């Protein structure tokens, strides 16, 4: 069974109006990699993407409210949910909408042990609670607008969480692979990405590079200045001559750099820096081959990035 929920229209709005709608498409990742190589804050791009998705999602929710309010009156929430639960194969957007309608994300519903089939009862209970709450309140006339904000809040948590988890690791691995390739190193011959744990290293390593005296490890974490302990943990893992690449360190920066110096680890900050040049300077005396020296000109660096094959920017799930 199908229902006119407008999910296809909503999806089309996203595709037509959000810049870099799919942040892990090869074209999007290529642009993000160039942004990072230029020492810029990649979150400027991802945040624009996220806000675009949120604004269009809010517009969809308002449109649904207006339509189902006209059709079902005060019972618009029950009417909308009944349409959704009748669907034979609901899309991901329609499944999300079921949870948003009751002010939840799928993850929150799982934590509360509320399966999909119990959402109608949960909706009834929430409406009953809401009616009692607003009866004794001066904001009774704003009850339905407040419910819309409840839905929007759930959608915001859902979209922001999904974007962060989906994009973060993909950008890190692709950025590292692209940077090493730009220096002239060859994948699976001179460097390896996503090296699994073994008897020597207890945790997976983002990358390893072959040098004159064996492999060195490289870890990357696009961590902002609020999480210096993550960088410290990576410093302790990569070993001597290893590399830790990060976005930016704020507080405790001196302590992190002192720890890296004591253990012989190279720290490379991306923000306001030339990370590819720093990587080149660190690896040049260590590897057997002569590396390509990165250009300082932005247009030339873009040309380098554009010359990389699309397959390098493909992310397998």
C-alpha atoms as a PDB file:
ATOM      1  CA  UNK A   1       0.000   0.000   0.000  1.00  0.00           C
ATOM      2  CA  UNK A   2       1.163   3.543  -0.683  1.00  0.00           C
ATOM      3  CA  UNK A   3       0.137   6.778   0.969  1.00  0.00           C
ATOM      4  CA  UNK A   4       0.503  10.349  -0.184  1.00  0.00           C
ATOM      5  CA  UNK A   5       2.978  11.381   2.501  1.00  0.00           C
ATOM      6  CA  UNK A   6       5.139  13.385   0.132  1.00  0.00           C
ATOM      7  CA  UNK A   7       8.367  11.510   0.904  1.00  0.00           C
ATOM      8  CA  UNK A   8       9.405  11.433  -2.747  1.00  0.00           C
ATOM      9  CA  UNK A   9       8.840  15.169  -3.073  1.00  0.00           C
ATOM     10  CA  UNK A  10      10.831  15.729   0.121  1.00  0.00           C
ATOM     11  CA  UNK A  11      13.690  13.608  -1.205  1.00  0.00           C
ATOM     12  CA  UNK A  12      13.627  15.518  -4.489  1.00  0.00           C
ATOM     13  CA  UNK A  13      13.748  18.854  -2.615  1.00  0.00           C
ATOM     14  CA  UNK A  14      16.887  17.655  -0.873  1.00  0.00           C
ATOM     15  CA  UNK A  15      18.537  16.542  -4.100  1.00  0.00           C
ATOM     16  CA  UNK A  16      17.741  19.761  -5.934  1.00  0.00           C
ATOM     17  CA  UNK A  17      18.353  22.349  -3.232  1.00  0.00           C
ATOM     18  CA  UNK A  18      21.028  21.117  -0.813  1.00  0.00           C
ATOM     19  CA  UNK A  19      24.635  21.750  -1.826  1.00  0.00           C
ATOM     20  CA  UNK A  20      26.514  18.434  -1.850  1.00  0.00           C
ATOM     21  CA  UNK A  21      23.376  16.530  -0.850  1.00  0.00           C
ATOM     22  CA  UNK A  22      25.313  13.285  -0.477  1.00  0.00           C
ATOM     23  CA  UNK A  23      28.439  14.153   1.478  1.00  0.00           C
ATOM     24  CA  UNK A  24      30.055  10.792   0.819  1.00  0.00           C
ATOM     25  CA  UNK A  25      29.649  10.854  -2.956  1.00  0.00           C
ATOM     26  CA  UNK A  26      32.969  10.983  -4.865  1.00  0.00           C
ATOM     27  CA  UNK A  27      32.335  14.578  -5.981  1.00  0.00           C
ATOM     28  CA  UNK A  28      31.546  15.744  -2.439  1.00  0.00           C
ATOM     29  CA  UNK A  29      34.511  13.955  -0.877  1.00  0.00           C
ATOM     30  CA  UNK A  30      36.848  15.367  -3.523  1.00  0.00           C
ATOM     31  CA  UNK A  31      35.745  18.895  -2.608  1.00  0.00           C
ATOM     32  CA  UNK A  32      36.059  18.186   1.113  1.00  0.00           C
ATOM     33  CA  UNK A  33      39.568  16.756   0.664  1.00  0.00           C
ATOM     34  CA  UNK A  34      40.711  19.876  -1.205  1.00  0.00           C
ATOM     35  CA  UNK A  35      39.164  22.020   1.542  1.00  0.00           C
ATOM     36  CA  UNK A  36      41.198  20.143   4.169  1.00  0.00           C
ATOM     37  CA  UNK A  37      44.417  20.202   2.163  1.00  0.00           C
ATOM     38  CA  UNK A  38      44.083  23.987   2.024  1.00  0.00           C
ATOM     39  CA  UNK A  39      43.977  24.057   5.824  1.00  0.00           C
ATOM     40  CA  UNK A  40      40.349  25.076   6.032  1.00  0.00           C
ATOM     41  CA  UNK A  41      37.536  24.058   8.353  1.00  0.00           C
ATOM     42  CA  UNK A  42      35.635  21.281   6.593  1.00  0.00           C
ATOM     43  CA  UNK A  43      32.710  21.737   8.996  1.00  0.00           C
ATOM     44  CA  UNK A  44      31.791  24.932   7.149  1.00  0.00           C
ATOM     45  CA  UNK A  45      30.768  22.747   4.218  1.00  0.00           C
ATOM     46  CA  UNK A  46      29.172  19.938   6.221  1.00  0.00           C
ATOM     47  CA  UNK A  47      27.263  22.386   8.416  1.00  0.00           C
ATOM     48  CA  UNK A  48      25.849  24.129   5.352  1.00  0.00           C
ATOM     49  CA  UNK A  49      24.759  20.723   4.094  1.00  0.00           C
ATOM     50  CA  UNK A  50      23.184  19.805   7.438  1.00  0.00           C
ATOM     51  CA  UNK A  51      21.328  23.112   7.791  1.00  0.00           C
ATOM     52  CA  UNK A  52      19.968  22.755   4.270  1.00  0.00           C
ATOM     53  CA  UNK A  53      18.647  19.285   5.097  1.00  0.00           C
ATOM     54  CA  UNK A  54      17.115  20.566   8.323  1.00  0.00           C
ATOM     55  CA  UNK A  55      15.375  23.544   6.737  1.00  0.00           C
ATOM     56  CA  UNK A  56      13.854  21.426   3.973  1.00  0.00           C
ATOM     57  CA  UNK A  57      12.824  18.815   6.554  1.00  0.00           C
ATOM     58  CA  UNK A  58      11.067  21.497   8.624  1.00  0.00           C
ATOM     59  CA  UNK A  59       9.264  22.705   5.509  1.00  0.00           C
ATOM     60  CA  UNK A  60       8.113  19.115   4.832  1.00  0.00           C
ATOM     61  CA  UNK A  61       6.803  18.752   8.395  1.00  0.00           C
ATOM     62  CA  UNK A  62       4.889  22.025   8.164  1.00  0.00           C
ATOM     63  CA  UNK A  63       3.390  20.991   4.823  1.00  0.00           C
ATOM     64  CA  UNK A  64       2.303  17.641   6.314  1.00  0.00           C
ATOM     65  CA  UNK A  65       0.773  19.392   9.333  1.00  0.00           C
ATOM     66  CA  UNK A  66      -1.219  21.775   7.131  1.00  0.00           C
ATOM     67  CA  UNK A  67      -2.477  18.963   4.901  1.00  0.00           C
ATOM     68  CA  UNK A  68      -3.439  16.501   7.626  1.00  0.00           C
ATOM     69  CA  UNK A  69      -4.890  19.249   9.850  1.00  0.00           C
ATOM     70  CA  UNK A  70      -7.296  20.086   7.027  1.00  0.00           C
ATOM     71  CA  UNK A  71      -8.189  16.425   6.553  1.00  0.00           C
ATOM     72  CA  UNK A  72      -8.370  15.169  10.149  1.00  0.00           C
ATOM     73  CA  UNK A  73      -8.776  18.317  12.244  1.00  0.00           C
ATOM     74  CA  UNK A  74      -7.420  17.954  15.785  1.00  0.00           C
ATOM     75  CA  UNK A  75      -6.761  14.266  15.085  1.00  0.00           C
ATOM     76  CA  UNK A  76      -4.126  15.081  12.450  1.00  0.00           C
ATOM     77  CA  UNK A  77      -1.394  13.225  14.346  1.00  0.00           C
ATOM     78  CA  UNK A  78      -3.399  10.017  14.575  1.00  0.00           C
ATOM     79  CA  UNK A  79      -4.414  10.341  10.934  1.00  0.00           C
ATOM     80  CA  UNK A  80      -0.854  10.819   9.749  1.00  0.00           C
ATOM     81  CA  UNK A  81       0.471   7.908  11.803  1.00  0.00           C
ATOM     82  CA  UNK A  82      -2.325   5.617  10.589  1.00  0.00           C
ATOM     83  CA  UNK A  83      -1.322   6.375   6.995  1.00  0.00           C
ATOM     84  CA  UNK A  84       2.302   5.627   7.791  1.00  0.00           C
ATOM     85  CA  UNK A  85       1.759   2.309   9.583  1.00  0.00           C
ATOM     86  CA  UNK A  86      -0.389   1.072   6.696  1.00  0.00           C
ATOM     87  CA  UNK A  87       2.546   1.280   4.265  1.00  0.00           C
ATOM     88  CA  UNK A  88       3.821  -2.074   3.001  1.00  0.00           C
ATOM     89  CA  UNK A  89       7.369  -0.908   2.346  1.00  0.00           C
ATOM     90  CA  UNK A  90       7.938   2.450   4.019  1.00  0.00           C
ATOM     91  CA  UNK A  91      10.982   4.380   2.839  1.00  0.00           C
ATOM     92  CA  UNK A  92      13.672   5.500   5.262  1.00  0.00           C
ATOM     93  CA  UNK A  93      12.121   8.990   5.238  1.00  0.00           C
ATOM     94  CA  UNK A  94       8.692   7.569   6.107  1.00  0.00           C
ATOM     95  CA  UNK A  95      10.134   5.403   8.896  1.00  0.00           C
ATOM     96  CA  UNK A  96      11.908   8.419  10.348  1.00  0.00           C
ATOM     97  CA  UNK A  97       8.683  10.404  10.138  1.00  0.00           C
ATOM     98  CA  UNK A  98       6.864   7.788  12.241  1.00  0.00           C
ATOM     99  CA  UNK A  99       9.346   8.367  15.067  1.00  0.00           C
ATOM    100  CA  UNK A 100       9.510  12.136  14.621  1.00  0.00           C
ATOM    101  CA  UNK A 101       5.718  12.322  14.879  1.00  0.00           C
ATOM    102  CA  UNK A 102       5.928  11.058  18.466  1.00  0.00           C
ATOM    103  CA  UNK A 103       8.986  13.180  19.284  1.00  0.00           C
ATOM    104  CA  UNK A 104      11.535  10.371  19.071  1.00  0.00           C
ATOM    105  CA  UNK A 105      14.416   9.208  16.938  1.00  0.00           C
ATOM    106  CA  UNK A 106      14.734   5.537  16.069  1.00  0.00           C
ATOM    107  CA  UNK A 107      17.668   5.208  18.468  1.00  0.00           C
ATOM    108  CA  UNK A 108      15.698   6.794  21.320  1.00  0.00           C
ATOM    109  CA  UNK A 109      12.743   4.501  20.611  1.00  0.00           C
ATOM    110  CA  UNK A 110      15.071   1.512  20.804  1.00  0.00           C
ATOM    111  CA  UNK A 111      16.475   2.749  24.109  1.00  0.00           C
ATOM    112  CA  UNK A 112      12.917   3.112  25.418  1.00  0.00           C
ATOM    113  CA  UNK A 113      12.057  -0.349  24.030  1.00  0.00           C
ATOM    114  CA  UNK A 114       9.235   1.009  21.865  1.00  0.00           C
ATOM    115  CA  UNK A 115       8.886  -1.103  18.689  1.00  0.00           C
ATOM    116  CA  UNK A 116       7.320   0.331  15.567  1.00  0.00           C
ATOM    117  CA  UNK A 117       4.008  -1.445  16.124  1.00  0.00           C
ATOM    118  CA  UNK A 118       3.593   0.227  19.538  1.00  0.00           C
ATOM    119  CA  UNK A 119       3.938   3.773  18.206  1.00  0.00           C
ATOM    120  CA  UNK A 120       0.127   4.323  17.943  1.00  0.00           C
ATOM    121  CA  UNK A 121      -0.290   3.561  21.660  1.00  0.00           C
ATOM    122  CA  UNK A 122       2.724   5.723  22.497  1.00  0.00           C
ATOM    123  CA  UNK A 123       1.253   8.547  20.421  1.00  0.00           C
ATOM    124  CA  UNK A 124      -2.078   8.302  22.273  1.00  0.00           C
ATOM    125  CA  UNK A 125      -0.313   8.407  25.634  1.00  0.00           C
ATOM    126  CA  UNK A 126       1.800  11.394  24.582  1.00  0.00           C
ATOM    127  CA  UNK A 127      -1.244  13.294  23.292  1.00  0.00           C
ATOM    128  CA  UNK A 128      -3.057  12.578  26.560  1.00  0.00           C
ATOM    129  CA  UNK A 129      -0.096  13.851  28.564  1.00  0.00           C
ATOM    130  CA  UNK A 130       0.178  16.916  26.329  1.00  0.00           C
ATOM    131  CA  UNK A 131      -3.520  17.725  26.776  1.00  0.00           C
ATOM    132  CA  UNK A 132      -3.183  17.531  30.556  1.00  0.00           C
ATOM    133  CA  UNK A 133      -0.045  19.635  30.494  1.00  0.00           C
ATOM    134  CA  UNK A 134      -1.514  22.401  28.375  1.00  0.00           C
ATOM    135  CA  UNK A 135      -4.863  22.432  30.184  1.00  0.00           C
ATOM    136  CA  UNK A 136      -3.108  23.698  33.291  1.00  0.00           C
ATOM    137  CA  UNK A 137      -0.920  26.080  31.360  1.00  0.00           C
ATOM    138  CA  UNK A 138      -1.213  29.510  29.831  1.00  0.00           C
ATOM    139  CA  UNK A 139       0.015  28.207  26.468  1.00  0.00           C
ATOM    140  CA  UNK A 140      -2.947  26.009  25.529  1.00  0.00           C
ATOM    141  CA  UNK A 141      -3.398  27.895  22.259  1.00  0.00           C
ATOM    142  CA  UNK A 142       0.161  26.963  21.241  1.00  0.00           C
ATOM    143  CA  UNK A 143      -0.154  23.211  21.798  1.00  0.00           C
ATOM    144  CA  UNK A 144      -0.044  22.156  18.148  1.00  0.00           C
ATOM    145  CA  UNK A 145       2.827  24.514  17.311  1.00  0.00           C
ATOM    146  CA  UNK A 146       4.699  23.076  20.292  1.00  0.00           C
ATOM    147  CA  UNK A 147       4.068  19.585  18.904  1.00  0.00           C
ATOM    148  CA  UNK A 148       5.524  20.651  15.584  1.00  0.00           C
ATOM    149  CA  UNK A 149       8.634  21.847  17.424  1.00  0.00           C
ATOM    150  CA  UNK A 150       8.772  18.476  19.197  1.00  0.00           C
ATOM    151  CA  UNK A 151       8.806  16.774  15.796  1.00  0.00           C
ATOM    152  CA  UNK A 152      11.406  19.212  14.480  1.00  0.00           C
ATOM    153  CA  UNK A 153      13.594  18.596  17.526  1.00  0.00           C
ATOM    154  CA  UNK A 154      13.526  14.834  16.936  1.00  0.00           C
ATOM    155  CA  UNK A 155      14.302  15.376  13.257  1.00  0.00           C
ATOM    156  CA  UNK A 156      17.222  17.637  14.178  1.00  0.00           C
ATOM    157  CA  UNK A 157      18.762  15.037  16.479  1.00  0.00           C
ATOM    158  CA  UNK A 158      18.237  12.355  13.848  1.00  0.00           C
ATOM    159  CA  UNK A 159      19.744  14.291  10.956  1.00  0.00           C
ATOM    160  CA  UNK A 160      22.677  15.773  12.848  1.00  0.00           C
ATOM    161  CA  UNK A 161      23.602  12.426  14.385  1.00  0.00           C
ATOM    162  CA  UNK A 162      23.291  10.621  11.077  1.00  0.00           C
ATOM    163  CA  UNK A 163      25.374  13.204   9.220  1.00  0.00           C
ATOM    164  CA  UNK A 164      28.149  13.149  11.811  1.00  0.00           C
ATOM    165  CA  UNK A 165      28.513   9.375  11.984  1.00  0.00           C
ATOM    166  CA  UNK A 166      28.139   8.868   8.244  1.00  0.00           C
ATOM    167  CA  UNK A 167      30.565  11.528   7.087  1.00  0.00           C
ATOM    168  CA  UNK A 168      33.325  11.594   9.706  1.00  0.00           C
ATOM    169  CA  UNK A 169      35.133   8.323   9.120  1.00  0.00           C
ATOM    170  CA  UNK A 170      34.630   8.459   5.354  1.00  0.00           C
ATOM    171  CA  UNK A 171      36.360  11.838   5.087  1.00  0.00           C
ATOM    172  CA  UNK A 172      39.257  10.747   7.299  1.00  0.00           C
ATOM    173  CA  UNK A 173      40.155   7.647   5.315  1.00  0.00           C
ATOM    174  CA  UNK A 174      39.680   9.293   1.921  1.00  0.00           C
ATOM    175  CA  UNK A 175      41.706  12.340   2.972  1.00  0.00           C
ATOM    176  CA  UNK A 176      44.612  10.160   4.125  1.00  0.00           C
ATOM    177  CA  UNK A 177      44.539   8.042   0.976  1.00  0.00           C
ATOM    178  CA  UNK A 178      44.375  11.130  -1.245  1.00  0.00           C
ATOM    179  CA  UNK A 179      47.223  12.886   0.597  1.00  0.00           C
ATOM    180  CA  UNK A 180      49.563   9.901   0.327  1.00  0.00           C
ATOM    181  CA  UNK A 181      48.637   9.374  -3.334  1.00  0.00           C
ATOM    182  CA  UNK A 182      49.336  13.031  -4.134  1.00  0.00           C
ATOM    183  CA  UNK A 183      52.855  12.601  -2.730  1.00  0.00           C
ATOM    184  CA  UNK A 184      53.448   9.803  -5.232  1.00  0.00           C
ATOM    185  CA  UNK A 185      52.984   6.822  -2.914  1.00  0.00           C
ATOM    186  CA  UNK A 186      51.083   3.831  -4.260  1.00  0.00           C
ATOM    187  CA  UNK A 187      48.188   2.186  -2.474  1.00  0.00           C
ATOM    188  CA  UNK A 188      48.818  -1.429  -1.385  1.00  0.00           C
ATOM    189  CA  UNK A 189      52.480  -1.056  -2.317  1.00  0.00           C
ATOM    190  CA  UNK A 190      53.808   1.960  -0.451  1.00  0.00           C
ATOM    191  CA  UNK A 191      50.883   2.584   1.885  1.00  0.00           C
ATOM    192  CA  UNK A 192      47.844   0.805   3.277  1.00  0.00           C
ATOM    193  CA  UNK A 193      44.566   2.260   4.546  1.00  0.00           C
ATOM    194  CA  UNK A 194      42.475   0.738   7.328  1.00  0.00           C
ATOM    195  CA  UNK A 195      45.020  -1.776   8.613  1.00  0.00           C
ATOM    196  CA  UNK A 196      43.277  -4.257  10.951  1.00  0.00           C
ATOM    197  CA  UNK A 197      44.521  -4.985  14.454  1.00  0.00           C
ATOM    198  CA  UNK A 198      46.991  -7.781  14.984  1.00  0.00           C
ATOM    199  CA  UNK A 199      49.324  -9.201  17.638  1.00  0.00           C
ATOM    200  CA  UNK A 200      51.500  -6.070  17.444  1.00  0.00           C
ATOM    201  CA  UNK A 201      48.784  -3.401  17.308  1.00  0.00           C
ATOM    202  CA  UNK A 202      45.669  -3.989  19.381  1.00  0.00           C
ATOM    203  CA  UNK A 203      43.485  -1.549  17.434  1.00  0.00           C
ATOM    204  CA  UNK A 204      42.896  -0.878  13.754  1.00  0.00           C
ATOM    205  CA  UNK A 205      45.216   1.741  12.290  1.00  0.00           C
ATOM    206  CA  UNK A 206      43.993   4.341   9.815  1.00  0.00           C
ATOM    207  CA  UNK A 207      47.067   3.886   7.631  1.00  0.00           C
ATOM    208  CA  UNK A 208      50.595   2.546   7.373  1.00  0.00           C
ATOM    209  CA  UNK A 209      53.459   3.700   5.150  1.00  0.00           C
ATOM    210  CA  UNK A 210      56.445   1.613   4.065  1.00  0.00           C
ATOM    211  CA  UNK A 211      59.780   3.208   4.973  1.00  0.00           C
ATOM    212  CA  UNK A 212      63.439   2.218   4.763  1.00  0.00           C
ATOM    213  CA  UNK A 213      63.143   0.530   8.156  1.00  0.00           C
ATOM    214  CA  UNK A 214      59.684  -0.957   8.011  1.00  0.00           C
ATOM    215  CA  UNK A 215      56.219   0.499   8.318  1.00  0.00           C
ATOM    216  CA  UNK A 216      55.162   3.550  10.305  1.00  0.00           C
ATOM    217  CA  UNK A 217      51.606   4.152  11.403  1.00  0.00           C
ATOM    218  CA  UNK A 218      49.409   7.151  10.631  1.00  0.00           C
ATOM    219  CA  UNK A 219      46.232   7.971  12.516  1.00  0.00           C
ATOM    220  CA  UNK A 220      43.859  10.744  11.579  1.00  0.00           C
ATOM    221  CA  UNK A 221      41.133  12.285  13.685  1.00  0.00           C
ATOM    222  CA  UNK A 222      39.201  15.297  12.472  1.00  0.00           C
ATOM    223  CA  UNK A 223      38.791  16.324  16.078  1.00  0.00           C
ATOM    224  CA  UNK A 224      38.022  19.914  16.959  1.00  0.00           C
ATOM    225  CA  UNK A 225      39.576  21.685  19.908  1.00  0.00           C
ATOM    226  CA  UNK A 226      37.143  20.200  22.431  1.00  0.00           C
ATOM    227  CA  UNK A 227      38.680  16.695  22.453  1.00  0.00           C
ATOM    228  CA  UNK A 228      42.455  16.846  23.046  1.00  0.00           C
ATOM    229  CA  UNK A 229      42.368  13.507  24.898  1.00  0.00           C
ATOM    230  CA  UNK A 230      41.540  11.740  21.623  1.00  0.00           C
ATOM    231  CA  UNK A 231      44.707  13.119  20.030  1.00  0.00           C
ATOM    232  CA  UNK A 232      46.749  12.095  23.077  1.00  0.00           C
ATOM    233  CA  UNK A 233      45.414   8.554  22.750  1.00  0.00           C
ATOM    234  CA  UNK A 234      46.422   8.459  19.086  1.00  0.00           C
ATOM    235  CA  UNK A 235      49.914   9.759  19.933  1.00  0.00           C
ATOM    236  CA  UNK A 236      50.370   6.852  22.330  1.00  0.00           C
ATOM    237  CA  UNK A 237      49.290   4.355  19.665  1.00  0.00           C
ATOM    238  CA  UNK A 238      51.193   5.213  16.504  1.00  0.00           C
ATOM    239  CA  UNK A 239      54.743   4.714  17.824  1.00  0.00           C
ATOM    240  CA  UNK A 240      58.019   6.394  16.952  1.00  0.00           C
ATOM    241  CA  UNK A 241      58.094   8.279  13.612  1.00  0.00           C
ATOM    242  CA  UNK A 242      54.336   7.732  13.392  1.00  0.00           C
ATOM    243  CA  UNK A 243      52.022  10.540  12.367  1.00  0.00           C
ATOM    244  CA  UNK A 244      48.851  11.894  13.948  1.00  0.00           C
ATOM    245  CA  UNK A 245      46.793  14.222  11.752  1.00  0.00           C
ATOM    246  CA  UNK A 246      44.061  16.282  13.397  1.00  0.00           C
ATOM    247  CA  UNK A 247      41.874  19.281  12.717  1.00  0.00           C
ATOM    248  CA  UNK A 248      42.791  21.579  15.589  1.00  0.00           C
ATOM    249  CA  UNK A 249      43.847  21.471  19.234  1.00  0.00           C
ATOM    250  CA  UNK A 250      42.706  24.117  21.654  1.00  0.00           C
ATOM    251  CA  UNK A 251      43.270  23.728  25.366  1.00  0.00           C
ATOM    252  CA  UNK A 252      46.077  21.402  26.530  1.00  0.00           C
ATOM    253  CA  UNK A 253      47.858  21.812  23.169  1.00  0.00           C
ATOM    254  CA  UNK A 254      51.262  22.218  24.828  1.00  0.00           C
ATOM    255  CA  UNK A 255      50.832  18.992  26.798  1.00  0.00           C
ATOM    256  CA  UNK A 256      49.883  17.073  23.644  1.00  0.00           C
ATOM    257  CA  UNK A 257      52.874  18.424  21.708  1.00  0.00           C
ATOM    258  CA  UNK A 258      55.217  17.619  24.583  1.00  0.00           C
ATOM    259  CA  UNK A 259      53.923  14.058  24.687  1.00  0.00           C
ATOM    260  CA  UNK A 260      54.392  13.712  20.920  1.00  0.00           C
ATOM    261  CA  UNK A 261      57.955  15.061  21.107  1.00  0.00           C
ATOM    262  CA  UNK A 262      58.867  12.639  23.883  1.00  0.00           C
ATOM    263  CA  UNK A 263      57.564   9.644  21.921  1.00  0.00           C
ATOM    264  CA  UNK A 264      58.946  10.754  18.550  1.00  0.00           C
ATOM    265  CA  UNK A 265      55.533  11.251  16.951  1.00  0.00           C
ATOM    266  CA  UNK A 266      54.834  13.856  14.257  1.00  0.00           C
ATOM    267  CA  UNK A 267      51.728  15.964  14.844  1.00  0.00           C
ATOM    268  CA  UNK A 268      50.113  17.619  11.834  1.00  0.00           C
ATOM    269  CA  UNK A 269      47.359  20.160  12.366  1.00  0.00           C
ATOM    270  CA  UNK A 270      45.108  20.748   9.373  1.00  0.00           C
ATOM    271  CA  UNK A 271      43.451  24.038  10.310  1.00  0.00           C
ATOM    272  CA  UNK A 272      45.292  27.176   9.126  1.00  0.00           C
ATOM    273  CA  UNK A 273      48.173  25.015   7.960  1.00  0.00           C
ATOM    274  CA  UNK A 274      49.641  23.180   4.963  1.00  0.00           C
ATOM    275  CA  UNK A 275      49.074  19.567   6.043  1.00  0.00           C
ATOM    276  CA  UNK A 276      50.241  18.011   2.772  1.00  0.00           C
ATOM    277  CA  UNK A 277      53.518  19.924   2.889  1.00  0.00           C
ATOM    278  CA  UNK A 278      54.107  18.891   6.507  1.00  0.00           C
ATOM    279  CA  UNK A 279      53.422  15.262   5.641  1.00  0.00           C
ATOM    280  CA  UNK A 280      55.836  15.541   2.717  1.00  0.00           C
ATOM    281  CA  UNK A 281      58.598  16.955   4.940  1.00  0.00           C
ATOM    282  CA  UNK A 282      58.155  14.213   7.535  1.00  0.00           C
ATOM    283  CA  UNK A 283      58.008  11.284   5.126  1.00  0.00           C
ATOM    284  CA  UNK A 284      60.661  12.399   2.603  1.00  0.00           C
ATOM    285  CA  UNK A 285      63.723  11.289   4.633  1.00  0.00           C
ATOM    286  CA  UNK A 286      61.990   8.084   5.757  1.00  0.00           C
ATOM    287  CA  UNK A 287      60.729   6.476   2.542  1.00  0.00           C
ATOM    288  CA  UNK A 288      62.808   4.867  -0.212  1.00  0.00           C
ATOM    289  CA  UNK A 289      61.331   6.811  -3.124  1.00  0.00           C
ATOM    290  CA  UNK A 290      61.463  10.521  -3.930  1.00  0.00           C
ATOM    291  CA  UNK A 291      58.165  12.141  -3.092  1.00  0.00           C
ATOM    292  CA  UNK A 292      56.394  14.835  -5.093  1.00  0.00           C
ATOM    293  CA  UNK A 293      56.717  18.208  -3.417  1.00  0.00           C
ATOM    294  CA  UNK A 294      53.254  19.735  -2.962  1.00  0.00           C
ATOM    295  CA  UNK A 295      52.490  23.030  -4.691  1.00  0.00           C
ATOM    296  CA  UNK A 296      51.911  26.169  -2.667  1.00  0.00           C
ATOM    297  CA  UNK A 297      49.490  27.597  -5.227  1.00  0.00           C
ATOM    298  CA  UNK A 298      45.825  26.844  -4.531  1.00  0.00           C
ATOM    299  CA  UNK A 299      44.898  26.425  -8.183  1.00  0.00           C
ATOM    300  CA  UNK A 300      47.738  23.979  -8.747  1.00  0.00           C
ATOM    301  CA  UNK A 301      46.783  21.970  -5.683  1.00  0.00           C
ATOM    302  CA  UNK A 302      43.210  21.824  -6.966  1.00  0.00           C
ATOM    303  CA  UNK A 303      44.537  20.532 -10.275  1.00  0.00           C
ATOM    304  CA  UNK A 304      46.426  17.819  -8.391  1.00  0.00           C
ATOM    305  CA  UNK A 305      43.302  16.780  -6.503  1.00  0.00           C
ATOM    306  CA  UNK A 306      41.189  16.858  -9.664  1.00  0.00           C
ATOM    307  CA  UNK A 307      43.672  14.503 -11.327  1.00  0.00           C
ATOM    308  CA  UNK A 308      43.062  11.762  -8.752  1.00  0.00           C
ATOM    309  CA  UNK A 309      40.782   8.931  -9.960  1.00  0.00           C
ATOM    310  CA  UNK A 310      37.151   8.827  -8.859  1.00  0.00           C
ATOM    311  CA  UNK A 311      37.711   5.363  -7.420  1.00  0.00           C
ATOM    312  CA  UNK A 312      39.889   6.868  -4.697  1.00  0.00           C
ATOM    313  CA  UNK A 313      36.892   8.842  -3.454  1.00  0.00           C
ATOM    314  CA  UNK A 314      34.445   5.921  -3.468  1.00  0.00           C
ATOM    315  CA  UNK A 315      33.342   4.736  -0.050  1.00  0.00           C
ATOM    316  CA  UNK A 316      32.234   1.157   0.375  1.00  0.00           C
ATOM    317  CA  UNK A 317      29.642   0.495   3.062  1.00  0.00           C
END
